[in-house]
Amino acid sequence: MKRIVNHQIGIDQNELMLFSDFENNGEMWSGNGPRERRVAVKFSAEYHSEPSVHISMSLLDIATEPPIRTAISAENVTKSGFDVVFRTWGDSRVARIRASWMAIGPLEHDDGWDLY
């Protein structure tokens, strides 16, 4: 559990289209084996320390045959942003993905100074 010992808490959120590979026959739609798409996200303001980030798929456009194999995560979380990482593998065919995210963490405040 992350405890926030600060009365100024920031919540930032947004959605982003990670890719749309159906139109151009991109690798997520036409490829095989392990595939990854990584997109950098910048927060609207910097946090005091690394926030907690929740991420989910808000659009999943995928072929139902072969089996659906997907994973989405937030990686490299810093005070100023993070990477959305989508992975698929095997013979899954992914046309497009949209991700929704929310970050919650402490903000800088006037009383936040160190003695030493």
PDB file of N, CA and C in Angstrom:
ATOM      1  N   MET A   1       0.841  -1.175   0.000  1.00  0.00           N
ATOM      2  CA  MET A   1       0.000   0.000   0.000  1.00  0.00           C
ATOM      3  C   MET A   1       0.884   1.235   0.000  1.00  0.00           C
ATOM      4  N   LYS A   2       0.523   2.193  -0.815  1.00  0.00           N
ATOM      5  CA  LYS A   2       1.237   3.464  -0.847  1.00  0.00           C
ATOM      6  C   LYS A   2       0.465   4.457   0.023  1.00  0.00           C
ATOM      7  N   ARG A   3       1.132   5.012   1.035  1.00  0.00           N
ATOM      8  CA  ARG A   3       0.511   6.030   1.886  1.00  0.00           C
ATOM      9  C   ARG A   3       0.975   7.396   1.410  1.00  0.00           C
ATOM     10  N   ILE A   4       0.037   8.292   1.222  1.00  0.00           N
ATOM     11  CA  ILE A   4       0.351   9.646   0.776  1.00  0.00           C
ATOM     12  C   ILE A   4       0.242  10.556   1.988  1.00  0.00           C
ATOM     13  N   VAL A   5       1.375  11.071   2.452  1.00  0.00           N
ATOM     14  CA  VAL A   5       1.408  11.931   3.638  1.00  0.00           C
ATOM     15  C   VAL A   5       1.495  13.389   3.178  1.00  0.00           C
ATOM     16  N   ASN A   6       0.452  13.829   2.549  1.00  0.00           N
ATOM     17  CA  ASN A   6       0.443  15.136   1.921  1.00  0.00           C
ATOM     18  C   ASN A   6      -1.020  15.524   1.732  1.00  0.00           C
ATOM     19  N   HIS A   7      -1.363  16.748   2.004  1.00  0.00           N
ATOM     20  CA  HIS A   7      -2.751  17.158   1.828  1.00  0.00           C
ATOM     21  C   HIS A   7      -3.061  17.598   0.396  1.00  0.00           C
ATOM     22  N   GLN A   8      -2.049  17.684  -0.458  1.00  0.00           N
ATOM     23  CA  GLN A   8      -2.281  18.041  -1.860  1.00  0.00           C
ATOM     24  C   GLN A   8      -2.048  16.813  -2.721  1.00  0.00           C
ATOM     25  N   ILE A   9      -3.154  16.211  -3.160  1.00  0.00           N
ATOM     26  CA  ILE A   9      -3.095  14.994  -3.961  1.00  0.00           C
ATOM     27  C   ILE A   9      -3.552  15.331  -5.374  1.00  0.00           C
ATOM     28  N   GLY A  10      -2.776  14.884  -6.342  1.00  0.00           N
ATOM     29  CA  GLY A  10      -3.118  15.118  -7.742  1.00  0.00           C
ATOM     30  C   GLY A  10      -3.677  13.864  -8.388  1.00  0.00           C
ATOM     31  N   ILE A  11      -4.696  14.056  -9.205  1.00  0.00           N
ATOM     32  CA  ILE A  11      -5.263  12.977 -10.002  1.00  0.00           C
ATOM     33  C   ILE A  11      -5.243  13.449 -11.449  1.00  0.00           C
ATOM     34  N   ASP A  12      -4.542  12.720 -12.285  1.00  0.00           N
ATOM     35  CA  ASP A  12      -4.439  13.038 -13.713  1.00  0.00           C
ATOM     36  C   ASP A  12      -4.988  11.837 -14.472  1.00  0.00           C
ATOM     37  N   GLN A  13      -5.686  12.071 -15.568  1.00  0.00           N
ATOM     38  CA  GLN A  13      -6.230  10.961 -16.337  1.00  0.00           C
ATOM     39  C   GLN A  13      -6.438  11.364 -17.789  1.00  0.00           C
ATOM     40  N   ASN A  14      -6.464  10.358 -18.658  1.00  0.00           N
ATOM     41  CA  ASN A  14      -6.670  10.614 -20.078  1.00  0.00           C
ATOM     42  C   ASN A  14      -6.859   9.291 -20.801  1.00  0.00           C
ATOM     43  N   GLU A  15      -7.102   9.380 -22.093  1.00  0.00           N
ATOM     44  CA  GLU A  15      -7.178   8.229 -22.988  1.00  0.00           C
ATOM     45  C   GLU A  15      -6.244   8.477 -24.156  1.00  0.00           C
ATOM     46  N   LEU A  16      -5.731   7.408 -24.746  1.00  0.00           N
ATOM     47  CA  LEU A  16      -4.924   7.573 -25.945  1.00  0.00           C
ATOM     48  C   LEU A  16      -5.065   6.340 -26.823  1.00  0.00           C
ATOM     49  N   MET A  17      -5.051   6.589 -28.129  1.00  0.00           N
ATOM     50  CA  MET A  17      -5.052   5.499 -29.093  1.00  0.00           C
ATOM     51  C   MET A  17      -3.613   5.016 -29.208  1.00  0.00           C
ATOM     52  N   LEU A  18      -3.378   3.765 -28.849  1.00  0.00           N
ATOM     53  CA  LEU A  18      -2.017   3.226 -28.905  1.00  0.00           C
ATOM     54  C   LEU A  18      -1.604   2.925 -30.338  1.00  0.00           C
ATOM     55  N   PHE A  19      -2.510   2.350 -31.103  1.00  0.00           N
ATOM     56  CA  PHE A  19      -2.231   2.064 -32.505  1.00  0.00           C
ATOM     57  C   PHE A  19      -3.514   1.677 -33.208  1.00  0.00           C
ATOM     58  N   SER A  20      -3.470   1.757 -34.523  1.00  0.00           N
ATOM     59  CA  SER A  20      -4.550   1.289 -35.386  1.00  0.00           C
ATOM     60  C   SER A  20      -3.880   0.634 -36.585  1.00  0.00           C
ATOM     61  N   ASP A  21      -3.583  -0.655 -36.452  1.00  0.00           N
ATOM     62  CA  ASP A  21      -2.798  -1.372 -37.460  1.00  0.00           C
ATOM     63  C   ASP A  21      -3.641  -2.043 -38.541  1.00  0.00           C
ATOM     64  N   PHE A  22      -4.948  -2.001 -38.420  1.00  0.00           N
ATOM     65  CA  PHE A  22      -5.801  -2.666 -39.405  1.00  0.00           C
ATOM     66  C   PHE A  22      -5.719  -1.977 -40.767  1.00  0.00           C
ATOM     67  N   GLU A  23      -5.776  -0.637 -40.769  1.00  0.00           N
ATOM     68  CA  GLU A  23      -5.808   0.111 -42.032  1.00  0.00           C
ATOM     69  C   GLU A  23      -4.544  -0.090 -42.875  1.00  0.00           C
ATOM     70  N   ASN A  24      -3.394  -0.186 -42.224  1.00  0.00           N
ATOM     71  CA  ASN A  24      -2.136  -0.269 -42.971  1.00  0.00           C
ATOM     72  C   ASN A  24      -1.477  -1.656 -42.885  1.00  0.00           C
ATOM     73  N   ASN A  25      -2.241  -2.643 -42.414  1.00  0.00           N
ATOM     74  CA  ASN A  25      -1.750  -4.016 -42.304  1.00  0.00           C
ATOM     75  C   ASN A  25      -0.477  -4.078 -41.452  1.00  0.00           C
ATOM     76  N   GLY A  26      -0.464  -3.303 -40.363  1.00  0.00           N
ATOM     77  CA  GLY A  26       0.697  -3.228 -39.475  1.00  0.00           C
ATOM     78  C   GLY A  26       0.974  -4.531 -38.748  1.00  0.00           C
ATOM     79  N   GLU A  27       2.095  -4.550 -38.036  1.00  0.00           N
ATOM     80  CA  GLU A  27       2.573  -5.790 -37.434  1.00  0.00           C
ATOM     81  C   GLU A  27       1.643  -6.358 -36.369  1.00  0.00           C
ATOM     82  N   MET A  28       0.895  -5.522 -35.655  1.00  0.00           N
ATOM     83  CA  MET A  28      -0.025  -6.049 -34.648  1.00  0.00           C
ATOM     84  C   MET A  28      -1.174  -6.820 -35.305  1.00  0.00           C
ATOM     85  N   TRP A  29      -1.549  -6.419 -36.503  1.00  0.00           N
ATOM     86  CA  TRP A  29      -2.631  -7.077 -37.230  1.00  0.00           C
ATOM     87  C   TRP A  29      -2.120  -8.254 -38.065  1.00  0.00           C
ATOM     88  N   SER A  30      -0.977  -8.090 -38.696  1.00  0.00           N
ATOM     89  CA  SER A  30      -0.514  -9.102 -39.650  1.00  0.00           C
ATOM     90  C   SER A  30       0.652  -9.945 -39.134  1.00  0.00           C
ATOM     91  N   GLY A  31       1.266  -9.557 -38.009  1.00  0.00           N
ATOM     92  CA  GLY A  31       2.461 -10.246 -37.528  1.00  0.00           C
ATOM     93  C   GLY A  31       2.163 -11.499 -36.727  1.00  0.00           C
ATOM     94  N   ASN A  32       3.218 -12.166 -36.333  1.00  0.00           N
ATOM     95  CA  ASN A  32       3.175 -13.368 -35.506  1.00  0.00           C
ATOM     96  C   ASN A  32       4.227 -13.262 -34.427  1.00  0.00           C
ATOM     97  N   GLY A  33       4.046 -14.040 -33.370  1.00  0.00           N
ATOM     98  CA  GLY A  33       5.037 -14.068 -32.308  1.00  0.00           C
ATOM     99  C   GLY A  33       4.916 -12.893 -31.360  1.00  0.00           C
ATOM    100  N   PRO A  34       5.903 -12.712 -30.484  1.00  0.00           N
ATOM    101  CA  PRO A  34       5.853 -11.621 -29.511  1.00  0.00           C
ATOM    102  C   PRO A  34       5.920 -10.254 -30.208  1.00  0.00           C
ATOM    103  N   ARG A  35       4.982  -9.390 -29.858  1.00  0.00           N
ATOM    104  CA  ARG A  35       4.957  -8.030 -30.389  1.00  0.00           C
ATOM    105  C   ARG A  35       4.644  -7.072 -29.261  1.00  0.00           C
ATOM    106  N   GLU A  36       5.208  -5.875 -29.351  1.00  0.00           N
ATOM    107  CA  GLU A  36       5.035  -4.882 -28.292  1.00  0.00           C
ATOM    108  C   GLU A  36       4.876  -3.503 -28.905  1.00  0.00           C
ATOM    109  N   ARG A  37       4.000  -2.704 -28.325  1.00  0.00           N
ATOM    110  CA  ARG A  37       3.872  -1.300 -28.676  1.00  0.00           C
ATOM    111  C   ARG A  37       4.005  -0.505 -27.393  1.00  0.00           C
ATOM    112  N   ARG A  38       4.859   0.523 -27.412  1.00  0.00           N
ATOM    113  CA  ARG A  38       5.173   1.331 -26.231  1.00  0.00           C
ATOM    114  C   ARG A  38       4.930   2.797 -26.582  1.00  0.00           C
ATOM    115  N   VAL A  39       4.158   3.497 -25.735  1.00  0.00           N
ATOM    116  CA  VAL A  39       3.849   4.909 -25.968  1.00  0.00           C
ATOM    117  C   VAL A  39       4.133   5.680 -24.680  1.00  0.00           C
ATOM    118  N   ALA A  40       4.918   6.749 -24.792  1.00  0.00           N
ATOM    119  CA  ALA A  40       5.249   7.588 -23.634  1.00  0.00           C
ATOM    120  C   ALA A  40       4.103   8.543 -23.335  1.00  0.00           C
ATOM    121  N   VAL A  41       3.796   8.694 -22.053  1.00  0.00           N
ATOM    122  CA  VAL A  41       2.759   9.613 -21.580  1.00  0.00           C
ATOM    123  C   VAL A  41       3.410  10.609 -20.639  1.00  0.00           C
ATOM    124  N   LYS A  42       3.100  11.889 -20.822  1.00  0.00           N
ATOM    125  CA  LYS A  42       3.602  12.943 -19.926  1.00  0.00           C
ATOM    126  C   LYS A  42       2.425  13.455 -19.102  1.00  0.00           C
ATOM    127  N   PHE A  43       2.598  13.514 -17.783  1.00  0.00           N
ATOM    128  CA  PHE A  43       1.552  14.041 -16.913  1.00  0.00           C
ATOM    129  C   PHE A  43       1.362  15.534 -17.171  1.00  0.00           C
ATOM    130  N   SER A  44       0.177  16.054 -16.847  1.00  0.00           N
ATOM    131  CA  SER A  44      -0.088  17.480 -17.068  1.00  0.00           C
ATOM    132  C   SER A  44       0.683  18.353 -16.081  1.00  0.00           C
ATOM    133  N   ALA A  45       1.108  17.787 -14.964  1.00  0.00           N
ATOM    134  CA  ALA A  45       1.973  18.478 -13.996  1.00  0.00           C
ATOM    135  C   ALA A  45       2.822  17.413 -13.310  1.00  0.00           C
ATOM    136  N   GLU A  46       3.992  17.805 -12.832  1.00  0.00           N
ATOM    137  CA  GLU A  46       4.874  16.845 -12.175  1.00  0.00           C
ATOM    138  C   GLU A  46       4.401  16.572 -10.754  1.00  0.00           C
ATOM    139  N   TYR A  47       4.490  15.322 -10.340  1.00  0.00           N
ATOM    140  CA  TYR A  47       4.162  14.916  -8.978  1.00  0.00           C
ATOM    141  C   TYR A  47       5.375  15.117  -8.073  1.00  0.00           C
ATOM    142  N   HIS A  48       5.136  15.116  -6.764  1.00  0.00           N
ATOM    143  CA  HIS A  48       6.219  15.222  -5.776  1.00  0.00           C
ATOM    144  C   HIS A  48       7.056  13.942  -5.759  1.00  0.00           C
ATOM    145  N   SER A  49       6.409  12.799  -5.917  1.00  0.00           N
ATOM    146  CA  SER A  49       7.083  11.505  -6.035  1.00  0.00           C
ATOM    147  C   SER A  49       6.286  10.660  -7.033  1.00  0.00           C
ATOM    148  N   GLU A  50       6.784   9.502  -7.374  1.00  0.00           N
ATOM    149  CA  GLU A  50       6.139   8.670  -8.377  1.00  0.00           C
ATOM    150  C   GLU A  50       4.708   8.342  -7.949  1.00  0.00           C
ATOM    151  N   PRO A  51       3.732   8.629  -8.803  1.00  0.00           N
ATOM    152  CA  PRO A  51       2.337   8.328  -8.467  1.00  0.00           C
ATOM    153  C   PRO A  51       2.022   6.855  -8.727  1.00  0.00           C
ATOM    154  N   SER A  52       0.871   6.428  -8.268  1.00  0.00           N
ATOM    155  CA  SER A  52       0.336   5.119  -8.631  1.00  0.00           C
ATOM    156  C   SER A  52      -0.424   5.304  -9.933  1.00  0.00           C
ATOM    157  N   VAL A  53      -0.208   4.409 -10.893  1.00  0.00           N
ATOM    158  CA  VAL A  53      -0.840   4.526 -12.201  1.00  0.00           C
ATOM    159  C   VAL A  53      -1.700   3.296 -12.449  1.00  0.00           C
ATOM    160  N   HIS A  54      -2.946   3.540 -12.818  1.00  0.00           N
ATOM    161  CA  HIS A  54      -3.880   2.475 -13.203  1.00  0.00           C
ATOM    162  C   HIS A  54      -4.116   2.605 -14.701  1.00  0.00           C
ATOM    163  N   ILE A  55      -4.079   1.489 -15.408  1.00  0.00           N
ATOM    164  CA  ILE A  55      -4.270   1.521 -16.855  1.00  0.00           C
ATOM    165  C   ILE A  55      -5.209   0.390 -17.263  1.00  0.00           C
ATOM    166  N   SER A  56      -6.032   0.667 -18.277  1.00  0.00           N
ATOM    167  CA  SER A  56      -6.940  -0.349 -18.799  1.00  0.00           C
ATOM    168  C   SER A  56      -7.180  -0.095 -20.283  1.00  0.00           C
ATOM    169  N   MET A  57      -7.703  -1.097 -20.947  1.00  0.00           N
ATOM    170  CA  MET A  57      -8.069  -0.943 -22.357  1.00  0.00           C
ATOM    171  C   MET A  57      -9.496  -0.413 -22.415  1.00  0.00           C
ATOM    172  N   SER A  58      -9.686   0.701 -23.111  1.00  0.00           N
ATOM    173  CA  SER A  58     -11.036   1.246 -23.283  1.00  0.00           C
ATOM    174  C   SER A  58     -11.601   0.906 -24.659  1.00  0.00           C
ATOM    175  N   LEU A  59     -10.743   0.392 -25.545  1.00  0.00           N
ATOM    176  CA  LEU A  59     -11.180  -0.125 -26.841  1.00  0.00           C
ATOM    177  C   LEU A  59     -10.281  -1.294 -27.191  1.00  0.00           C
ATOM    178  N   LEU A  60     -10.887  -2.406 -27.516  1.00  0.00           N
ATOM    179  CA  LEU A  60     -10.160  -3.596 -27.936  1.00  0.00           C
ATOM    180  C   LEU A  60     -10.812  -4.083 -29.226  1.00  0.00           C
ATOM    181  N   ASP A  61     -10.123  -3.877 -30.335  1.00  0.00           N
ATOM    182  CA  ASP A  61     -10.596  -4.300 -31.651  1.00  0.00           C
ATOM    183  C   ASP A  61      -9.650  -5.403 -32.109  1.00  0.00           C
ATOM    184  N   ILE A  62     -10.116  -6.650 -32.041  1.00  0.00           N
ATOM    185  CA  ILE A  62      -9.233  -7.788 -32.237  1.00  0.00           C
ATOM    186  C   ILE A  62      -9.992  -8.911 -32.936  1.00  0.00           C
ATOM    187  N   ALA A  63      -9.286  -9.685 -33.750  1.00  0.00           N
ATOM    188  CA  ALA A  63      -9.895 -10.850 -34.387  1.00  0.00           C
ATOM    189  C   ALA A  63     -10.185 -11.895 -33.311  1.00  0.00           C
ATOM    190  N   THR A  64     -11.343 -12.537 -33.389  1.00  0.00           N
ATOM    191  CA  THR A  64     -11.701 -13.539 -32.381  1.00  0.00           C
ATOM    192  C   THR A  64     -11.136 -14.916 -32.688  1.00  0.00           C
ATOM    193  N   GLU A  65     -10.646 -15.116 -33.871  1.00  0.00           N
ATOM    194  CA  GLU A  65      -9.925 -16.337 -34.234  1.00  0.00           C
ATOM    195  C   GLU A  65      -8.611 -15.877 -34.823  1.00  0.00           C
ATOM    196  N   PRO A  66      -7.523 -16.219 -34.379  1.00  0.00           N
ATOM    197  CA  PRO A  66      -7.109 -17.166 -33.346  1.00  0.00           C
ATOM    198  C   PRO A  66      -7.387 -16.651 -31.932  1.00  0.00           C
ATOM    199  N   PRO A  67      -6.933 -17.372 -30.901  1.00  0.00           N
ATOM    200  CA  PRO A  67      -7.164 -16.952 -29.518  1.00  0.00           C
ATOM    201  C   PRO A  67      -6.660 -15.530 -29.235  1.00  0.00           C
ATOM    202  N   ILE A  68      -7.347 -14.879 -28.307  1.00  0.00           N
ATOM    203  CA  ILE A  68      -6.989 -13.510 -27.911  1.00  0.00           C
ATOM    204  C   ILE A  68      -5.933 -13.576 -26.819  1.00  0.00           C
ATOM    205  N   ARG A  69      -4.782 -12.967 -27.097  1.00  0.00           N
ATOM    206  CA  ARG A  69      -3.688 -12.916 -26.120  1.00  0.00           C
ATOM    207  C   ARG A  69      -3.222 -11.467 -26.022  1.00  0.00           C
ATOM    208  N   THR A  70      -3.501 -10.813 -24.904  1.00  0.00           N
ATOM    209  CA  THR A  70      -3.115  -9.411 -24.745  1.00  0.00           C
ATOM    210  C   THR A  70      -2.680  -9.132 -23.304  1.00  0.00           C
ATOM    211  N   ALA A  71      -1.847  -8.132 -23.168  1.00  0.00           N
ATOM    212  CA  ALA A  71      -1.445  -7.629 -21.857  1.00  0.00           C
ATOM    213  C   ALA A  71      -1.172  -6.139 -22.007  1.00  0.00           C
ATOM    214  N   ILE A  72      -1.592  -5.358 -21.008  1.00  0.00           N
ATOM    215  CA  ILE A  72      -1.326  -3.922 -21.011  1.00  0.00           C
ATOM    216  C   ILE A  72      -0.807  -3.548 -19.628  1.00  0.00           C
ATOM    217  N   SER A  73       0.177  -2.639 -19.597  1.00  0.00           N
ATOM    218  CA  SER A  73       0.766  -2.257 -18.315  1.00  0.00           C
ATOM    219  C   SER A  73       1.337  -0.851 -18.394  1.00  0.00           C
ATOM    220  N   ALA A  74       1.575  -0.286 -17.207  1.00  0.00           N
ATOM    221  CA  ALA A  74       2.278   0.993 -17.071  1.00  0.00           C
ATOM    222  C   ALA A  74       3.682   0.666 -16.588  1.00  0.00           C
ATOM    223  N   GLU A  75       4.693   1.115 -17.323  1.00  0.00           N
ATOM    224  CA  GLU A  75       6.083   0.842 -16.959  1.00  0.00           C
ATOM    225  C   GLU A  75       6.865   2.152 -16.905  1.00  0.00           C
ATOM    226  N   ASN A  76       8.010   2.117 -16.246  1.00  0.00           N
ATOM    227  CA  ASN A  76       8.905   3.269 -16.138  1.00  0.00           C
ATOM    228  C   ASN A  76       8.189   4.502 -15.578  1.00  0.00           C
ATOM    229  N   VAL A  77       7.416   4.328 -14.514  1.00  0.00           N
ATOM    230  CA  VAL A  77       6.684   5.440 -13.907  1.00  0.00           C
ATOM    231  C   VAL A  77       7.673   6.368 -13.198  1.00  0.00           C
ATOM    232  N   THR A  78       7.588   7.659 -13.526  1.00  0.00           N
ATOM    233  CA  THR A  78       8.393   8.689 -12.883  1.00  0.00           C
ATOM    234  C   THR A  78       7.466   9.792 -12.386  1.00  0.00           C
ATOM    235  N   LYS A  79       8.046  10.840 -11.815  1.00  0.00           N
ATOM    236  CA  LYS A  79       7.241  11.978 -11.354  1.00  0.00           C
ATOM    237  C   LYS A  79       6.592  12.721 -12.520  1.00  0.00           C
ATOM    238  N   SER A  80       7.141  12.590 -13.722  1.00  0.00           N
ATOM    239  CA  SER A  80       6.640  13.370 -14.858  1.00  0.00           C
ATOM    240  C   SER A  80       5.904  12.553 -15.917  1.00  0.00           C
ATOM    241  N   GLY A  81       5.931  11.215 -15.834  1.00  0.00           N
ATOM    242  CA  GLY A  81       5.217  10.431 -16.832  1.00  0.00           C
ATOM    243  C   GLY A  81       5.482   8.943 -16.715  1.00  0.00           C
ATOM    244  N   PHE A  82       5.072   8.182 -17.728  1.00  0.00           N
ATOM    245  CA  PHE A  82       5.242   6.734 -17.731  1.00  0.00           C
ATOM    246  C   PHE A  82       5.081   6.223 -19.158  1.00  0.00           C
ATOM    247  N   ASP A  83       5.334   4.949 -19.359  1.00  0.00           N
ATOM    248  CA  ASP A  83       5.134   4.296 -20.651  1.00  0.00           C
ATOM    249  C   ASP A  83       3.939   3.368 -20.569  1.00  0.00           C
ATOM    250  N   VAL A  84       3.023   3.479 -21.538  1.00  0.00           N
ATOM    251  CA  VAL A  84       1.962   2.493 -21.719  1.00  0.00           C
ATOM    252  C   VAL A  84       2.558   1.399 -22.592  1.00  0.00           C
ATOM    253  N   VAL A  85       2.456   0.152 -22.148  1.00  0.00           N
ATOM    254  CA  VAL A  85       3.028  -0.959 -22.900  1.00  0.00           C
ATOM    255  C   VAL A  85       1.934  -1.982 -23.181  1.00  0.00           C
ATOM    256  N   PHE A  86       1.718  -2.244 -24.469  1.00  0.00           N
ATOM    257  CA  PHE A  86       0.772  -3.273 -24.898  1.00  0.00           C
ATOM    258  C   PHE A  86       1.563  -4.401 -25.532  1.00  0.00           C
ATOM    259  N   ARG A  87       1.226  -5.625 -25.141  1.00  0.00           N
ATOM    260  CA  ARG A  87       1.903  -6.799 -25.704  1.00  0.00           C
ATOM    261  C   ARG A  87       0.878  -7.816 -26.187  1.00  0.00           C
ATOM    262  N   THR A  88       1.257  -8.512 -27.257  1.00  0.00           N
ATOM    263  CA  THR A  88       0.518  -9.675 -27.722  1.00  0.00           C
ATOM    264  C   THR A  88       1.530 -10.694 -28.196  1.00  0.00           C
ATOM    265  N   TRP A  89       1.100 -11.913 -28.416  1.00  0.00           N
ATOM    266  CA  TRP A  89       2.020 -12.971 -28.814  1.00  0.00           C
ATOM    267  C   TRP A  89       1.257 -14.036 -29.592  1.00  0.00           C
ATOM    268  N   GLY A  90       2.005 -15.020 -30.050  1.00  0.00           N
ATOM    269  CA  GLY A  90       1.387 -16.089 -30.833  1.00  0.00           C
ATOM    270  C   GLY A  90       0.845 -15.542 -32.143  1.00  0.00           C
ATOM    271  N   ASP A  91      -0.309 -16.044 -32.540  1.00  0.00           N
ATOM    272  CA  ASP A  91      -0.902 -15.620 -33.808  1.00  0.00           C
ATOM    273  C   ASP A  91      -2.094 -14.682 -33.606  1.00  0.00           C
ATOM    274  N   SER A  92      -2.195 -14.042 -32.419  1.00  0.00           N
ATOM    275  CA  SER A  92      -3.274 -13.084 -32.170  1.00  0.00           C
ATOM    276  C   SER A  92      -3.199 -11.931 -33.163  1.00  0.00           C
ATOM    277  N   ARG A  93      -4.365 -11.460 -33.592  1.00  0.00           N
ATOM    278  CA  ARG A  93      -4.445 -10.358 -34.555  1.00  0.00           C
ATOM    279  C   ARG A  93      -5.181  -9.199 -33.906  1.00  0.00           C
ATOM    280  N   VAL A  94      -4.436  -8.097 -33.670  1.00  0.00           N
ATOM    281  CA  VAL A  94      -4.984  -6.931 -32.979  1.00  0.00           C
ATOM    282  C   VAL A  94      -5.077  -5.779 -33.967  1.00  0.00           C
ATOM    283  N   ALA A  95      -6.305  -5.296 -34.198  1.00  0.00           N
ATOM    284  CA  ALA A  95      -6.514  -4.200 -35.141  1.00  0.00           C
ATOM    285  C   ALA A  95      -6.173  -2.852 -34.512  1.00  0.00           C
ATOM    286  N   ARG A  96      -6.720  -2.587 -33.326  1.00  0.00           N
ATOM    287  CA  ARG A  96      -6.442  -1.310 -32.657  1.00  0.00           C
ATOM    288  C   ARG A  96      -6.753  -1.411 -31.175  1.00  0.00           C
ATOM    289  N   ILE A  97      -6.084  -0.561 -30.426  1.00  0.00           N
ATOM    290  CA  ILE A  97      -6.220  -0.510 -28.968  1.00  0.00           C
ATOM    291  C   ILE A  97      -6.262   0.955 -28.537  1.00  0.00           C
ATOM    292  N   ARG A  98      -7.208   1.266 -27.661  1.00  0.00           N
ATOM    293  CA  ARG A  98      -7.220   2.564 -26.980  1.00  0.00           C
ATOM    294  C   ARG A  98      -7.087   2.277 -25.494  1.00  0.00           C
ATOM    295  N   ALA A  99      -6.254   3.041 -24.814  1.00  0.00           N
ATOM    296  CA  ALA A  99      -6.004   2.844 -23.384  1.00  0.00           C
ATOM    297  C   ALA A  99      -6.509   4.038 -22.587  1.00  0.00           C
ATOM    298  N   SER A 100      -7.054   3.760 -21.410  1.00  0.00           N
ATOM    299  CA  SER A 100      -7.423   4.785 -20.431  1.00  0.00           C
ATOM    300  C   SER A 100      -6.484   4.640 -19.246  1.00  0.00           C
ATOM    301  N   TRP A 101      -6.059   5.769 -18.683  1.00  0.00           N
ATOM    302  CA  TRP A 101      -5.165   5.713 -17.535  1.00  0.00           C
ATOM    303  C   TRP A 101      -5.528   6.767 -16.506  1.00  0.00           C
ATOM    304  N   MET A 102      -5.121   6.502 -15.257  1.00  0.00           N
ATOM    305  CA  MET A 102      -5.303   7.453 -14.173  1.00  0.00           C
ATOM    306  C   MET A 102      -4.105   7.347 -13.243  1.00  0.00           C
ATOM    307  N   ALA A 103      -3.555   8.489 -12.881  1.00  0.00           N
ATOM    308  CA  ALA A 103      -2.431   8.557 -11.949  1.00  0.00           C
ATOM    309  C   ALA A 103      -2.867   9.320 -10.706  1.00  0.00           C
ATOM    310  N   ILE A 104      -2.501   8.803  -9.534  1.00  0.00           N
ATOM    311  CA  ILE A 104      -2.833   9.435  -8.259  1.00  0.00           C
ATOM    312  C   ILE A 104      -1.562   9.499  -7.425  1.00  0.00           C
ATOM    313  N   GLY A 105      -1.239  10.709  -6.952  1.00  0.00           N
ATOM    314  CA  GLY A 105      -0.040  10.852  -6.141  1.00  0.00           C
ATOM    315  C   GLY A 105       0.058  12.215  -5.499  1.00  0.00           C
ATOM    316  N   PRO A 106       1.084  12.411  -4.653  1.00  0.00           N
ATOM    317  CA  PRO A 106       1.260  13.673  -3.942  1.00  0.00           C
ATOM    318  C   PRO A 106       1.821  14.762  -4.858  1.00  0.00           C
ATOM    319  N   LEU A 107       1.352  15.978  -4.642  1.00  0.00           N
ATOM    320  CA  LEU A 107       1.858  17.149  -5.361  1.00  0.00           C
ATOM    321  C   LEU A 107       2.789  17.938  -4.443  1.00  0.00           C
ATOM    322  N   GLU A 108       3.600  18.773  -5.033  1.00  0.00           N
ATOM    323  CA  GLU A 108       4.439  19.683  -4.238  1.00  0.00           C
ATOM    324  C   GLU A 108       3.517  20.647  -3.477  1.00  0.00           C
ATOM    325  N   HIS A 109       3.954  21.077  -2.312  1.00  0.00           N
ATOM    326  CA  HIS A 109       3.201  22.085  -1.566  1.00  0.00           C
ATOM    327  C   HIS A 109       4.160  22.989  -0.813  1.00  0.00           C
ATOM    328  N   ASP A 110       3.660  24.167  -0.417  1.00  0.00           N
ATOM    329  CA  ASP A 110       4.521  25.185   0.207  1.00  0.00           C
ATOM    330  C   ASP A 110       5.171  24.727   1.492  1.00  0.00           C
ATOM    331  N   ASP A 111       4.522  23.839   2.262  1.00  0.00           N
ATOM    332  CA  ASP A 111       5.066  23.375   3.532  1.00  0.00           C
ATOM    333  C   ASP A 111       5.980  22.159   3.363  1.00  0.00           C
ATOM    334  N   GLY A 112       6.240  21.765   2.147  1.00  0.00           N
ATOM    335  CA  GLY A 112       7.031  20.560   1.911  1.00  0.00           C
ATOM    336  C   GLY A 112       8.514  20.860   1.771  1.00  0.00           C
ATOM    337  N   TRP A 113       9.168  21.161   2.859  1.00  0.00           N
ATOM    338  CA  TRP A 113      10.600  21.419   2.818  1.00  0.00           C
ATOM    339  C   TRP A 113      11.326  20.478   3.770  1.00  0.00           C
ATOM    340  N   ASP A 114      12.578  20.221   3.477  1.00  0.00           N
ATOM    341  CA  ASP A 114      13.399  19.316   4.291  1.00  0.00           C
ATOM    342  C   ASP A 114      14.285  20.123   5.227  1.00  0.00           C
ATOM    343  N   LEU A 115      14.451  19.637   6.462  1.00  0.00           N
ATOM    344  CA  LEU A 115      15.318  20.294   7.423  1.00  0.00           C
ATOM    345  C   LEU A 115      16.787  20.012   7.121  1.00  0.00           C
ATOM    346  N   TYR A 116      17.094  18.823   6.635  1.00  0.00           N
ATOM    347  CA  TYR A 116      18.487  18.444   6.407  1.00  0.00           C
ATOM    348  C   TYR A 116      18.667  17.967   5.008  1.00  0.00           C
TER     349      TYR A 116
END
